Amino acid sequence: MTSTDLSTPAGASGTFAIGGDLVVNRLGFGTMQLTGPGVWGEPADRAAAITVLRRAVELGVTLIDTADAYGPFVTDALIREALHPYADGVAIATKVGFTRQGPNRWIPVGRPEYLRQQTELNLRHLGVDRIDLLQLHRIDPTVPLDDQIGELAALQSEGKVRHIGLSEVSVQDVEAARAIAPIVSVQNLFNLTNRSAEPLLDYATANGIAFIPWFPLATGKLSGSGTPLAELAGSHGVAPSQLALAWLLRRSPVMLPIPGTSSVAHLEENVAAAALSLSLSDEEYAALDALR
């Protein structure tokens, strides 16, 4: 993490250099919610989705996370329409390795020829010559890991991929992948109420690997009336979800939350959590950390 830039709301989250050279503001934006129901098809309001993406960048968001499987390819098209040509400093992270058979249906496919095809399509749909961060969406247990990571490494050597990441993995998975190619990021489920990936987060922190938590806003029963989370949120005049994001940003310098939404108002609320993370006292952070 380097110094914070308070000239934009997202800049208050500080920066992280993914892979040592891809510098982004730590609070990013995930695009999955910009699709139709079940992460399938077009959004109900395409113009509103475009507005949300443009507003995110206006607020200082510089990491936009997408995937070929979102739609499929719906979010790639939205990103290109909203933001291309991309401003300096805006990084697009995408993923390959999940196939779609309909709403809420996901099946991993890690055959090298499929990963290459989807990477080439991502390049075309996003309108770029090189993908900033290409993540293996899921490890396919039916395909040797050497073949999956090896194909991404081949694409990297060809100049089509800048950095390689993984999604929904264990520490052992990351170590095995790192023996094949440099791995600069991991994207796992992690939030205030679900910390099952904590060993991976600690490993990522120790090794300077970006940790991108998906479903970062979950507060569950912790935000019920009269709970410590609700009381702390009330004392700051913020939503419990904002505290959940602020806690994530304080939890580790390698943490890069990517909360998603299809609403500009919700987007602005999420991004405001960057400044909130700076104003939390050590005692307030400890109180949040103690919640389970």
C-alpha atoms as a PDB file:
ATOM      1  CA  MET A   1       0.000   0.000   0.000  1.00  0.00           C
ATOM      2  CA  THR A   2       1.248   3.481  -0.799  1.00  0.00           C
ATOM      3  CA  SER A   3      -0.021   6.886   0.246  1.00  0.00           C
ATOM      4  CA  THR A   4      -3.704   7.688  -0.060  1.00  0.00           C
ATOM      5  CA  ASP A   5      -4.978  10.189  -2.614  1.00  0.00           C
ATOM      6  CA  LEU A   6      -7.865  12.158  -1.161  1.00  0.00           C
ATOM      7  CA  SER A   7      -8.617  13.917  -4.452  1.00  0.00           C
ATOM      8  CA  THR A   8     -11.192  11.208  -5.214  1.00  0.00           C
ATOM      9  CA  PRO A   9     -13.430   9.206  -2.858  1.00  0.00           C
ATOM     10  CA  ALA A  10     -11.961   5.853  -3.930  1.00  0.00           C
ATOM     11  CA  GLY A  11      -8.460   7.255  -3.592  1.00  0.00           C
ATOM     12  CA  ALA A  12      -8.948   7.319   0.176  1.00  0.00           C
ATOM     13  CA  SER A  13      -8.623   3.526   0.116  1.00  0.00           C
ATOM     14  CA  GLY A  14      -4.941   3.809  -0.764  1.00  0.00           C
ATOM     15  CA  THR A  15      -3.199   2.005  -3.580  1.00  0.00           C
ATOM     16  CA  PHE A  16      -1.749  -1.433  -4.212  1.00  0.00           C
ATOM     17  CA  ALA A  17       0.645  -2.457  -6.963  1.00  0.00           C
ATOM     18  CA  ILE A  18      -0.670  -5.740  -8.375  1.00  0.00           C
ATOM     19  CA  GLY A  19       2.309  -7.793  -9.468  1.00  0.00           C
ATOM     20  CA  GLY A  20       4.537  -4.934  -8.366  1.00  0.00           C
ATOM     21  CA  ASP A  21       3.703  -2.663 -11.293  1.00  0.00           C
ATOM     22  CA  LEU A  22      -0.077  -2.459 -11.852  1.00  0.00           C
ATOM     23  CA  VAL A  23      -1.032   0.311  -9.422  1.00  0.00           C
ATOM     24  CA  VAL A  24      -4.734   0.579  -8.564  1.00  0.00           C
ATOM     25  CA  ASN A  25      -6.846   2.195  -5.867  1.00  0.00           C
ATOM     26  CA  ARG A  26      -7.666  -0.592  -3.443  1.00  0.00           C
ATOM     27  CA  LEU A  27     -11.444  -0.105  -3.545  1.00  0.00           C
ATOM     28  CA  GLY A  28     -12.536  -1.393  -6.941  1.00  0.00           C
ATOM     29  CA  PHE A  29     -15.784  -2.270  -8.682  1.00  0.00           C
ATOM     30  CA  GLY A  30     -17.184  -5.687  -9.596  1.00  0.00           C
ATOM     31  CA  THR A  31     -19.498  -5.858 -12.604  1.00  0.00           C
ATOM     32  CA  MET A  32     -21.396  -9.111 -12.007  1.00  0.00           C
ATOM     33  CA  GLN A  33     -24.543  -7.313 -10.811  1.00  0.00           C
ATOM     34  CA  LEU A  34     -24.787  -5.371 -14.065  1.00  0.00           C
ATOM     35  CA  THR A  35     -26.195  -8.423 -15.866  1.00  0.00           C
ATOM     36  CA  GLY A  36     -29.686  -9.905 -15.967  1.00  0.00           C
ATOM     37  CA  PRO A  37     -31.102 -12.271 -13.299  1.00  0.00           C
ATOM     38  CA  GLY A  38     -28.861 -15.201 -12.486  1.00  0.00           C
ATOM     39  CA  VAL A  39     -25.891 -13.357 -14.048  1.00  0.00           C
ATOM     40  CA  TRP A  40     -27.488 -14.170 -17.385  1.00  0.00           C
ATOM     41  CA  GLY A  41     -28.348 -11.861 -20.256  1.00  0.00           C
ATOM     42  CA  GLU A  42     -28.646  -8.112 -20.553  1.00  0.00           C
ATOM     43  CA  PRO A  43     -29.445  -5.750 -17.660  1.00  0.00           C
ATOM     44  CA  ALA A  44     -32.985  -4.444 -17.338  1.00  0.00           C
ATOM     45  CA  ASP A  45     -31.651  -0.917 -17.877  1.00  0.00           C
ATOM     46  CA  ARG A  46     -28.554  -0.823 -20.068  1.00  0.00           C
ATOM     47  CA  ALA A  47     -28.222   2.957 -19.909  1.00  0.00           C
ATOM     48  CA  ALA A  48     -28.215   2.823 -16.104  1.00  0.00           C
ATOM     49  CA  ALA A  49     -25.447   0.204 -16.155  1.00  0.00           C
ATOM     50  CA  ILE A  50     -23.341   2.427 -18.392  1.00  0.00           C
ATOM     51  CA  THR A  51     -23.929   5.340 -16.016  1.00  0.00           C
ATOM     52  CA  VAL A  52     -22.809   3.281 -13.016  1.00  0.00           C
ATOM     53  CA  LEU A  53     -19.544   2.295 -14.714  1.00  0.00           C
ATOM     54  CA  ARG A  54     -18.754   5.859 -15.711  1.00  0.00           C
ATOM     55  CA  ARG A  55     -19.590   7.138 -12.246  1.00  0.00           C
ATOM     56  CA  ALA A  56     -17.299   4.539 -10.678  1.00  0.00           C
ATOM     57  CA  VAL A  57     -14.341   5.897 -12.617  1.00  0.00           C
ATOM     58  CA  GLU A  58     -15.350   9.475 -11.786  1.00  0.00           C
ATOM     59  CA  LEU A  59     -15.208   8.504  -8.111  1.00  0.00           C
ATOM     60  CA  GLY A  60     -11.642   7.275  -8.516  1.00  0.00           C
ATOM     61  CA  VAL A  61     -12.201   3.559  -9.002  1.00  0.00           C
ATOM     62  CA  THR A  62      -9.313   2.236 -11.095  1.00  0.00           C
ATOM     63  CA  LEU A  63      -9.837  -1.545 -10.827  1.00  0.00           C
ATOM     64  CA  ILE A  64     -12.817  -2.902 -12.773  1.00  0.00           C
ATOM     65  CA  ASP A  65     -13.446  -6.645 -12.392  1.00  0.00           C
ATOM     66  CA  THR A  66     -15.341  -8.621 -15.028  1.00  0.00           C
ATOM     67  CA  ALA A  67     -15.450 -12.143 -16.526  1.00  0.00           C
ATOM     68  CA  ASP A  68     -16.311 -13.788 -19.809  1.00  0.00           C
ATOM     69  CA  ALA A  69     -19.022 -15.728 -17.938  1.00  0.00           C
ATOM     70  CA  TYR A  70     -20.898 -12.617 -16.781  1.00  0.00           C
ATOM     71  CA  GLY A  71     -23.787 -12.577 -19.191  1.00  0.00           C
ATOM     72  CA  PRO A  72     -21.869 -14.277 -20.878  1.00  0.00           C
ATOM     73  CA  PHE A  73     -19.774 -11.351 -22.195  1.00  0.00           C
ATOM     74  CA  VAL A  74     -22.458  -8.830 -21.257  1.00  0.00           C
ATOM     75  CA  THR A  75     -20.267  -6.961 -18.778  1.00  0.00           C
ATOM     76  CA  ASP A  76     -17.325  -6.847 -21.191  1.00  0.00           C
ATOM     77  CA  ALA A  77     -19.534  -5.091 -23.728  1.00  0.00           C
ATOM     78  CA  LEU A  78     -20.852  -2.686 -21.100  1.00  0.00           C
ATOM     79  CA  ILE A  79     -17.338  -1.814 -19.959  1.00  0.00           C
ATOM     80  CA  ARG A  80     -16.207  -1.154 -23.506  1.00  0.00           C
ATOM     81  CA  GLU A  81     -19.216   1.020 -24.297  1.00  0.00           C
ATOM     82  CA  ALA A  82     -18.893   2.990 -21.067  1.00  0.00           C
ATOM     83  CA  LEU A  83     -15.148   3.409 -20.714  1.00  0.00           C
ATOM     84  CA  HIS A  84     -13.271   2.716 -23.965  1.00  0.00           C
ATOM     85  CA  PRO A  85     -10.778   4.178 -24.720  1.00  0.00           C
ATOM     86  CA  TYR A  86      -9.719   3.506 -21.163  1.00  0.00           C
ATOM     87  CA  ALA A  87      -8.270   6.349 -19.118  1.00  0.00           C
ATOM     88  CA  ASP A  88      -4.699   6.063 -17.947  1.00  0.00           C
ATOM     89  CA  GLY A  89      -4.585   4.179 -14.680  1.00  0.00           C
ATOM     90  CA  VAL A  90      -7.810   2.223 -15.206  1.00  0.00           C
ATOM     91  CA  ALA A  91      -7.108  -1.519 -15.028  1.00  0.00           C
ATOM     92  CA  ILE A  92      -9.495  -4.193 -16.280  1.00  0.00           C
ATOM     93  CA  ALA A  93      -9.338  -7.584 -14.580  1.00  0.00           C
ATOM     94  CA  THR A  94     -11.210 -10.463 -16.179  1.00  0.00           C
ATOM     95  CA  LYS A  95     -11.583 -14.196 -15.732  1.00  0.00           C
ATOM     96  CA  VAL A  96     -11.800 -17.344 -17.856  1.00  0.00           C
ATOM     97  CA  GLY A  97     -12.524 -20.981 -17.026  1.00  0.00           C
ATOM     98  CA  PHE A  98     -16.245 -20.994 -16.176  1.00  0.00           C
ATOM     99  CA  THR A  99     -18.910 -21.986 -18.706  1.00  0.00           C
ATOM    100  CA  ARG A 100     -22.569 -21.030 -18.580  1.00  0.00           C
ATOM    101  CA  GLN A 101     -25.603 -23.184 -19.365  1.00  0.00           C
ATOM    102  CA  GLY A 102     -28.230 -20.695 -18.205  1.00  0.00           C
ATOM    103  CA  PRO A 103     -29.117 -18.489 -15.207  1.00  0.00           C
ATOM    104  CA  ASN A 104     -27.173 -19.423 -12.045  1.00  0.00           C
ATOM    105  CA  ARG A 105     -25.479 -22.351 -13.778  1.00  0.00           C
ATOM    106  CA  TRP A 106     -21.683 -22.515 -13.740  1.00  0.00           C
ATOM    107  CA  ILE A 107     -19.392 -25.387 -14.781  1.00  0.00           C
ATOM    108  CA  PRO A 108     -15.578 -25.091 -14.799  1.00  0.00           C
ATOM    109  CA  VAL A 109     -13.764 -25.943 -18.029  1.00  0.00           C
ATOM    110  CA  GLY A 110      -9.995 -25.625 -17.937  1.00  0.00           C
ATOM    111  CA  ARG A 111      -8.954 -27.197 -21.217  1.00  0.00           C
ATOM    112  CA  PRO A 112      -6.104 -25.113 -22.645  1.00  0.00           C
ATOM    113  CA  GLU A 113      -7.816 -24.547 -25.986  1.00  0.00           C
ATOM    114  CA  TYR A 114     -10.916 -23.235 -24.224  1.00  0.00           C
ATOM    115  CA  LEU A 115      -8.935 -20.913 -21.946  1.00  0.00           C
ATOM    116  CA  ARG A 116      -7.117 -19.527 -24.994  1.00  0.00           C
ATOM    117  CA  GLN A 117     -10.341 -19.044 -26.956  1.00  0.00           C
ATOM    118  CA  GLN A 118     -12.000 -17.179 -24.084  1.00  0.00           C
ATOM    119  CA  THR A 119      -8.949 -15.006 -23.510  1.00  0.00           C
ATOM    120  CA  GLU A 120      -8.918 -14.035 -27.177  1.00  0.00           C
ATOM    121  CA  LEU A 121     -12.633 -13.204 -26.979  1.00  0.00           C
ATOM    122  CA  ASN A 122     -12.061 -11.123 -23.841  1.00  0.00           C
ATOM    123  CA  LEU A 123      -9.398  -9.152 -25.699  1.00  0.00           C
ATOM    124  CA  ARG A 124     -11.776  -8.531 -28.594  1.00  0.00           C
ATOM    125  CA  HIS A 125     -14.832  -7.695 -26.513  1.00  0.00           C
ATOM    126  CA  LEU A 126     -12.947  -5.353 -24.167  1.00  0.00           C
ATOM    127  CA  GLY A 127     -11.138  -3.713 -27.053  1.00  0.00           C
ATOM    128  CA  VAL A 128      -7.616  -4.192 -25.680  1.00  0.00           C
ATOM    129  CA  ASP A 129      -4.367  -5.729 -26.901  1.00  0.00           C
ATOM    130  CA  ARG A 130      -3.396  -7.001 -23.465  1.00  0.00           C
ATOM    131  CA  ILE A 131      -5.438  -8.013 -20.423  1.00  0.00           C
ATOM    132  CA  ASP A 132      -4.154  -6.345 -17.250  1.00  0.00           C
ATOM    133  CA  LEU A 133      -5.105  -9.215 -14.932  1.00  0.00           C
ATOM    134  CA  LEU A 134      -6.396 -12.563 -16.199  1.00  0.00           C
ATOM    135  CA  GLN A 135      -7.743 -14.817 -13.470  1.00  0.00           C
ATOM    136  CA  LEU A 136      -8.519 -18.518 -13.717  1.00  0.00           C
ATOM    137  CA  HIS A 137     -12.172 -18.379 -12.628  1.00  0.00           C
ATOM    138  CA  ARG A 138     -12.069 -21.904 -11.197  1.00  0.00           C
ATOM    139  CA  ILE A 139      -9.512 -24.678 -11.293  1.00  0.00           C
ATOM    140  CA  ASP A 140     -10.941 -27.522 -13.355  1.00  0.00           C
ATOM    141  CA  PRO A 141     -10.303 -30.742 -11.390  1.00  0.00           C
ATOM    142  CA  THR A 142     -10.475 -32.815 -14.586  1.00  0.00           C
ATOM    143  CA  VAL A 143      -7.545 -31.029 -16.264  1.00  0.00           C
ATOM    144  CA  PRO A 144      -3.929 -31.055 -15.006  1.00  0.00           C
ATOM    145  CA  LEU A 145      -3.080 -27.765 -13.302  1.00  0.00           C
ATOM    146  CA  ASP A 146       0.095 -27.572 -15.389  1.00  0.00           C
ATOM    147  CA  ASP A 147      -2.040 -27.417 -18.518  1.00  0.00           C
ATOM    148  CA  GLN A 148      -4.356 -24.711 -17.158  1.00  0.00           C
ATOM    149  CA  ILE A 149      -1.750 -22.374 -15.684  1.00  0.00           C
ATOM    150  CA  GLY A 150       0.665 -23.249 -18.449  1.00  0.00           C
ATOM    151  CA  GLU A 151      -1.732 -21.952 -21.095  1.00  0.00           C
ATOM    152  CA  LEU A 152      -2.233 -18.688 -19.227  1.00  0.00           C
ATOM    153  CA  ALA A 153       1.555 -18.392 -18.926  1.00  0.00           C
ATOM    154  CA  ALA A 154       1.871 -18.972 -22.667  1.00  0.00           C
ATOM    155  CA  LEU A 155      -0.611 -16.172 -23.325  1.00  0.00           C
ATOM    156  CA  GLN A 156       1.407 -13.990 -20.964  1.00  0.00           C
ATOM    157  CA  SER A 157       4.641 -14.753 -22.834  1.00  0.00           C
ATOM    158  CA  GLU A 158       2.873 -13.755 -26.066  1.00  0.00           C
ATOM    159  CA  GLY A 159       2.093 -10.340 -24.603  1.00  0.00           C
ATOM    160  CA  LYS A 160      -1.654 -10.907 -24.403  1.00  0.00           C
ATOM    161  CA  VAL A 161      -1.786 -11.047 -20.596  1.00  0.00           C
ATOM    162  CA  ARG A 162       0.051  -8.800 -18.155  1.00  0.00           C
ATOM    163  CA  HIS A 163      -0.576 -10.686 -14.903  1.00  0.00           C
ATOM    164  CA  ILE A 164      -2.158 -13.999 -13.841  1.00  0.00           C
ATOM    165  CA  GLY A 165      -4.485 -14.555 -10.880  1.00  0.00           C
ATOM    166  CA  LEU A 166      -6.646 -17.309  -9.393  1.00  0.00           C
ATOM    167  CA  SER A 167     -10.172 -17.505  -7.993  1.00  0.00           C
ATOM    168  CA  GLU A 168     -11.654 -19.679  -5.219  1.00  0.00           C
ATOM    169  CA  VAL A 169      -8.455 -21.471  -4.279  1.00  0.00           C
ATOM    170  CA  SER A 170      -6.605 -22.749  -1.236  1.00  0.00           C
ATOM    171  CA  VAL A 171      -3.091 -21.924  -0.101  1.00  0.00           C
ATOM    172  CA  GLN A 172      -2.002 -25.274  -1.515  1.00  0.00           C
ATOM    173  CA  ASP A 173      -3.552 -24.415  -4.884  1.00  0.00           C
ATOM    174  CA  VAL A 174      -1.682 -21.113  -5.001  1.00  0.00           C
ATOM    175  CA  GLU A 175       1.626 -22.711  -4.115  1.00  0.00           C
ATOM    176  CA  ALA A 176       1.155 -25.342  -6.819  1.00  0.00           C
ATOM    177  CA  ALA A 177       0.267 -22.668  -9.390  1.00  0.00           C
ATOM    178  CA  ARG A 178       3.200 -20.469  -8.367  1.00  0.00           C
ATOM    179  CA  ALA A 179       5.522 -23.355  -9.207  1.00  0.00           C
ATOM    180  CA  ILE A 180       4.287 -23.022 -12.809  1.00  0.00           C
ATOM    181  CA  ALA A 181       3.933 -19.242 -13.270  1.00  0.00           C
ATOM    182  CA  PRO A 182       3.914 -16.035 -11.197  1.00  0.00           C
ATOM    183  CA  ILE A 183       0.550 -15.584  -9.452  1.00  0.00           C
ATOM    184  CA  VAL A 184      -0.199 -12.010  -8.395  1.00  0.00           C
ATOM    185  CA  SER A 185      -3.786 -12.198  -7.109  1.00  0.00           C
ATOM    186  CA  VAL A 186      -6.407 -14.451  -5.565  1.00  0.00           C
ATOM    187  CA  GLN A 187     -10.156 -13.847  -5.535  1.00  0.00           C
ATOM    188  CA  ASN A 188     -12.106 -15.734  -2.858  1.00  0.00           C
ATOM    189  CA  LEU A 189     -15.323 -15.360  -0.900  1.00  0.00           C
ATOM    190  CA  PHE A 190     -14.505 -13.290   2.188  1.00  0.00           C
ATOM    191  CA  ASN A 191     -16.443 -10.816   4.296  1.00  0.00           C
ATOM    192  CA  LEU A 192     -17.235  -9.825   7.862  1.00  0.00           C
ATOM    193  CA  THR A 193     -19.449 -12.886   8.391  1.00  0.00           C
ATOM    194  CA  ASN A 194     -17.550 -15.463   6.305  1.00  0.00           C
ATOM    195  CA  ARG A 195     -13.831 -15.637   6.977  1.00  0.00           C
ATOM    196  CA  SER A 196     -13.219 -19.178   5.779  1.00  0.00           C
ATOM    197  CA  ALA A 197     -10.491 -17.890   3.437  1.00  0.00           C
ATOM    198  CA  GLU A 198      -8.537 -16.262   6.278  1.00  0.00           C
ATOM    199  CA  PRO A 199      -5.541 -18.618   5.903  1.00  0.00           C
ATOM    200  CA  LEU A 200      -5.346 -17.636   2.236  1.00  0.00           C
ATOM    201  CA  LEU A 201      -5.600 -13.945   3.142  1.00  0.00           C
ATOM    202  CA  ASP A 202      -2.755 -14.295   5.627  1.00  0.00           C
ATOM    203  CA  TYR A 203      -0.686 -16.111   2.987  1.00  0.00           C
ATOM    204  CA  ALA A 204      -1.433 -13.421   0.407  1.00  0.00           C
ATOM    205  CA  THR A 205      -0.509 -10.678   2.880  1.00  0.00           C
ATOM    206  CA  ALA A 206       2.796 -12.344   3.706  1.00  0.00           C
ATOM    207  CA  ASN A 207       3.648 -12.807   0.032  1.00  0.00           C
ATOM    208  CA  GLY A 208       2.432  -9.480  -1.388  1.00  0.00           C
ATOM    209  CA  ILE A 209      -0.339 -11.126  -3.413  1.00  0.00           C
ATOM    210  CA  ALA A 210      -3.506  -9.107  -4.008  1.00  0.00           C
ATOM    211  CA  PHE A 211      -6.543 -10.540  -2.233  1.00  0.00           C
ATOM    212  CA  ILE A 212      -9.813  -9.670  -3.998  1.00  0.00           C
ATOM    213  CA  PRO A 213     -12.779 -10.607  -1.776  1.00  0.00           C
ATOM    214  CA  TRP A 214     -16.026 -11.299  -3.567  1.00  0.00           C
ATOM    215  CA  PHE A 215     -19.388 -10.833  -1.803  1.00  0.00           C
ATOM    216  CA  PRO A 216     -17.674  -8.256   0.437  1.00  0.00           C
ATOM    217  CA  LEU A 217     -20.793  -6.486   1.740  1.00  0.00           C
ATOM    218  CA  ALA A 218     -22.391  -9.357   3.643  1.00  0.00           C
ATOM    219  CA  THR A 219     -23.343  -8.516   7.223  1.00  0.00           C
ATOM    220  CA  GLY A 220     -26.141 -11.023   7.839  1.00  0.00           C
ATOM    221  CA  LYS A 221     -27.547 -11.155  11.354  1.00  0.00           C
ATOM    222  CA  LEU A 222     -24.667  -8.992  12.592  1.00  0.00           C
ATOM    223  CA  SER A 223     -26.513  -5.887  11.377  1.00  0.00           C
ATOM    224  CA  GLY A 224     -29.808  -6.580  13.182  1.00  0.00           C
ATOM    225  CA  SER A 225     -31.364  -3.965  15.424  1.00  0.00           C
ATOM    226  CA  GLY A 226     -29.406  -3.461  18.631  1.00  0.00           C
ATOM    227  CA  THR A 227     -26.363  -5.419  17.498  1.00  0.00           C
ATOM    228  CA  PRO A 228     -22.848  -4.002  17.996  1.00  0.00           C
ATOM    229  CA  LEU A 229     -22.500  -3.533  14.228  1.00  0.00           C
ATOM    230  CA  ALA A 230     -25.773  -1.620  13.976  1.00  0.00           C
ATOM    231  CA  GLU A 231     -24.864   0.534  16.971  1.00  0.00           C
ATOM    232  CA  LEU A 232     -21.428   1.367  15.572  1.00  0.00           C
ATOM    233  CA  ALA A 233     -22.941   2.161  12.178  1.00  0.00           C
ATOM    234  CA  GLY A 234     -25.458   4.431  13.867  1.00  0.00           C
ATOM    235  CA  SER A 235     -22.739   6.270  15.765  1.00  0.00           C
ATOM    236  CA  HIS A 236     -20.976   7.036  12.490  1.00  0.00           C
ATOM    237  CA  GLY A 237     -24.202   7.731  10.598  1.00  0.00           C
ATOM    238  CA  VAL A 238     -23.395   5.068   7.996  1.00  0.00           C
ATOM    239  CA  ALA A 239     -24.839   1.783   6.763  1.00  0.00           C
ATOM    240  CA  PRO A 240     -23.593  -1.514   8.255  1.00  0.00           C
ATOM    241  CA  SER A 241     -22.392  -2.529   4.779  1.00  0.00           C
ATOM    242  CA  GLN A 242     -20.112   0.516   4.715  1.00  0.00           C
ATOM    243  CA  LEU A 243     -18.550  -0.603   7.970  1.00  0.00           C
ATOM    244  CA  ALA A 244     -18.080  -4.074   6.490  1.00  0.00           C
ATOM    245  CA  LEU A 245     -16.121  -2.535   3.611  1.00  0.00           C
ATOM    246  CA  ALA A 246     -14.135  -0.275   5.916  1.00  0.00           C
ATOM    247  CA  TRP A 247     -13.205  -3.315   8.019  1.00  0.00           C
ATOM    248  CA  LEU A 248     -12.002  -5.145   4.906  1.00  0.00           C
ATOM    249  CA  LEU A 249      -9.794  -2.246   3.878  1.00  0.00           C
ATOM    250  CA  ARG A 250      -8.259  -2.136   7.357  1.00  0.00           C
ATOM    251  CA  ARG A 251      -7.867  -5.918   7.570  1.00  0.00           C
ATOM    252  CA  SER A 252      -4.879  -6.147   5.215  1.00  0.00           C
ATOM    253  CA  PRO A 253      -2.894  -3.853   2.903  1.00  0.00           C
ATOM    254  CA  VAL A 254      -3.300  -6.391   0.066  1.00  0.00           C
ATOM    255  CA  MET A 255      -7.119  -6.345   0.322  1.00  0.00           C
ATOM    256  CA  LEU A 256      -8.846  -5.095  -2.847  1.00  0.00           C
ATOM    257  CA  PRO A 257     -12.636  -5.212  -2.324  1.00  0.00           C
ATOM    258  CA  ILE A 258     -14.750  -4.989  -5.486  1.00  0.00           C
ATOM    259  CA  PRO A 259     -18.329  -4.334  -4.308  1.00  0.00           C
ATOM    260  CA  GLY A 260     -20.782  -4.352  -7.185  1.00  0.00           C
ATOM    261  CA  THR A 261     -24.127  -2.691  -7.725  1.00  0.00           C
ATOM    262  CA  SER A 262     -26.433  -1.514 -10.495  1.00  0.00           C
ATOM    263  CA  SER A 263     -27.338   1.669  -8.584  1.00  0.00           C
ATOM    264  CA  VAL A 264     -25.388   4.935  -8.638  1.00  0.00           C
ATOM    265  CA  ALA A 265     -26.593   5.787  -5.122  1.00  0.00           C
ATOM    266  CA  HIS A 266     -25.408   2.430  -3.785  1.00  0.00           C
ATOM    267  CA  LEU A 267     -22.112   2.814  -5.658  1.00  0.00           C
ATOM    268  CA  GLU A 268     -21.506   6.199  -4.027  1.00  0.00           C
ATOM    269  CA  GLU A 269     -22.354   4.729  -0.624  1.00  0.00           C
ATOM    270  CA  ASN A 270     -19.886   1.889  -1.147  1.00  0.00           C
ATOM    271  CA  VAL A 271     -17.068   4.161  -2.288  1.00  0.00           C
ATOM    272  CA  ALA A 272     -17.596   6.410   0.735  1.00  0.00           C
ATOM    273  CA  ALA A 273     -16.434   3.482   2.853  1.00  0.00           C
ATOM    274  CA  ALA A 274     -12.865   4.243   1.765  1.00  0.00           C
ATOM    275  CA  ALA A 275     -12.803   7.436   3.843  1.00  0.00           C
ATOM    276  CA  LEU A 276     -14.631   5.641   6.663  1.00  0.00           C
ATOM    277  CA  SER A 277     -11.785   3.125   6.868  1.00  0.00           C
ATOM    278  CA  LEU A 278      -9.453   6.020   7.704  1.00  0.00           C
ATOM    279  CA  SER A 279     -11.661   7.402  10.460  1.00  0.00           C
ATOM    280  CA  LEU A 280     -12.224   4.155  12.360  1.00  0.00           C
ATOM    281  CA  SER A 281     -10.386   4.104  15.657  1.00  0.00           C
ATOM    282  CA  ASP A 282      -8.265   1.116  16.579  1.00  0.00           C
ATOM    283  CA  GLU A 283     -10.871   0.222  19.204  1.00  0.00           C
ATOM    284  CA  GLU A 284     -13.702   0.352  16.635  1.00  0.00           C
ATOM    285  CA  TYR A 285     -11.730  -1.807  14.225  1.00  0.00           C
ATOM    286  CA  ALA A 286     -11.058  -4.319  16.995  1.00  0.00           C
ATOM    287  CA  ALA A 287     -14.749  -4.396  17.861  1.00  0.00           C
ATOM    288  CA  LEU A 288     -15.620  -5.137  14.227  1.00  0.00           C
ATOM    289  CA  ASP A 289     -12.903  -7.773  14.004  1.00  0.00           C
ATOM    290  CA  ALA A 290     -14.346  -9.515  17.057  1.00  0.00           C
ATOM    291  CA  LEU A 291     -17.744  -9.931  15.392  1.00  0.00           C
ATOM    292  CA  ARG A 292     -18.482 -13.358  13.985  1.00  0.00           C
END
